[in-house]
Protein backbone atom coordinates (compact mmCIF):
# COMPACT_ATOMS: atom_id res chain seq x y z
CA UNK A 1 91.10 51.80 22.59
CA UNK A 2 90.86 52.65 26.28
CA UNK A 3 92.50 55.72 27.74
CA UNK A 4 93.27 56.22 31.42
CA UNK A 5 90.68 58.73 32.77
CA UNK A 6 93.37 60.92 34.35
CA UNK A 7 95.29 61.13 31.09
CA UNK A 8 92.05 61.84 29.20
CA UNK A 9 91.20 64.66 31.61
CA UNK A 10 94.66 66.17 31.08
CA UNK A 11 94.33 65.92 27.30
CA UNK A 12 90.91 67.57 27.45
CA UNK A 13 92.31 70.36 29.61
CA UNK A 14 95.16 70.90 27.15
CA UNK A 15 92.71 71.10 24.23
CA UNK A 16 90.74 73.77 26.07
CA UNK A 17 93.96 75.63 26.93
CA UNK A 18 94.97 75.71 23.26
CA UNK A 19 91.58 77.17 22.33
CA UNK A 20 91.75 79.80 25.08
CA UNK A 21 95.27 80.81 24.06
CA UNK A 22 94.37 80.95 20.38
CA UNK A 23 91.27 83.03 21.16
CA UNK A 24 93.51 85.60 22.81
CA UNK A 25 95.25 86.23 19.46
CA UNK A 26 93.19 88.43 17.11
CA UNK A 27 92.28 86.74 13.87
CA UNK A 28 93.09 83.20 15.03
CA UNK A 29 90.38 80.55 15.16
CA UNK A 30 91.01 77.03 16.40
CA UNK A 31 88.72 74.13 15.56
CA UNK A 32 89.87 70.82 16.92
CA UNK A 33 89.63 67.83 14.58
CA UNK A 34 87.23 65.02 15.47
CA UNK A 35 88.60 62.57 18.00
CA UNK A 36 89.56 59.08 16.85
CA UNK A 37 87.16 56.25 17.65
CA UNK A 38 87.41 55.08 21.23
CA UNK A 39 88.56 58.39 22.66
CA UNK A 40 86.07 59.88 25.09
CA UNK A 41 84.44 63.19 24.29
CA UNK A 42 81.97 65.44 25.99
CA UNK A 43 81.63 66.95 29.43
CA UNK A 44 82.31 63.71 31.32
CA UNK A 45 85.92 63.90 30.16
CA UNK A 46 86.34 67.60 30.87
CA UNK A 47 85.93 68.44 34.55
CA UNK A 48 84.23 71.80 35.05
CA UNK A 49 83.40 72.31 31.39
CA UNK A 50 79.72 73.06 31.92
CA UNK A 51 80.60 75.40 34.79
CA UNK A 52 82.87 77.26 32.37
CA UNK A 53 79.98 77.64 29.91
CA UNK A 54 77.75 78.89 32.73
CA UNK A 55 80.38 81.40 33.90
CA UNK A 56 80.74 82.73 30.36
CA UNK A 57 76.96 83.15 30.04
CA UNK A 58 76.81 84.91 33.40
CA UNK A 59 79.59 87.24 32.21
CA UNK A 60 77.63 88.03 29.05
CA UNK A 61 80.15 86.26 26.81
CA UNK A 62 77.61 84.17 24.92
CA UNK A 63 79.61 83.83 21.70
CA UNK A 64 82.54 82.36 23.63
CA UNK A 65 80.12 80.19 25.63
CA UNK A 66 78.73 78.78 22.37
CA UNK A 67 82.25 77.99 21.12
CA UNK A 68 83.18 76.25 24.37
CA UNK A 69 79.89 74.32 24.36
CA UNK A 70 80.55 73.18 20.78
CA UNK A 71 84.03 71.97 21.61
CA UNK A 72 83.05 70.26 24.84
CA UNK A 73 79.93 68.53 23.59
CA UNK A 74 81.00 67.95 19.98
CA UNK A 75 77.85 69.53 18.55
CA UNK A 76 77.18 71.97 15.74
CA UNK A 77 76.65 75.70 16.00
CA UNK A 78 72.84 75.53 15.96
CA UNK A 79 72.61 73.01 18.80
CA UNK A 80 75.26 74.80 20.87
CA UNK A 81 73.54 78.17 20.44
CA UNK A 82 70.19 76.68 21.43
CA UNK A 83 71.69 75.13 24.58
CA UNK A 84 73.48 78.34 25.57
CA UNK A 85 70.34 80.41 24.91
CA UNK A 86 68.31 78.04 27.10
CA UNK A 87 70.90 78.32 29.85
CA UNK A 88 70.87 82.11 29.56
CA UNK A 89 67.08 82.11 29.93
CA UNK A 90 67.26 79.92 33.05
CA UNK A 91 69.85 82.28 34.50
CA UNK A 92 67.73 85.34 33.67
CA UNK A 93 70.22 86.51 31.04
CA UNK A 94 68.14 85.73 27.96
C-alpha cells in the first residue's frame, strides 16, 4: 500500500499532536499501535522530528525526548534512551 507523502506527513504530525496533548493531561499515557504493513514510519515521514528530540534534550527534558524518539523511530525504550543519551553527550548535556 502506497500513501501520498503529503498525507503521510500530515498523519505523522497528527500522531505527534495526540501524544503532546495527552502528555499535557496528568496520568494519561499514549502509546500508538504499530503501523500496518506498507505505511511509512520513522523520521523520514515526520519532518522536524529529530530537531524536536534535540530541542527537548537541550531543554533538559530527556524523558520526553526518549518518548518522542521511541515514537518517531519505532524503537524500544533501551535503544531510545541510548540514542538520547548519546545526543546529550554530543551537545554537552550528558
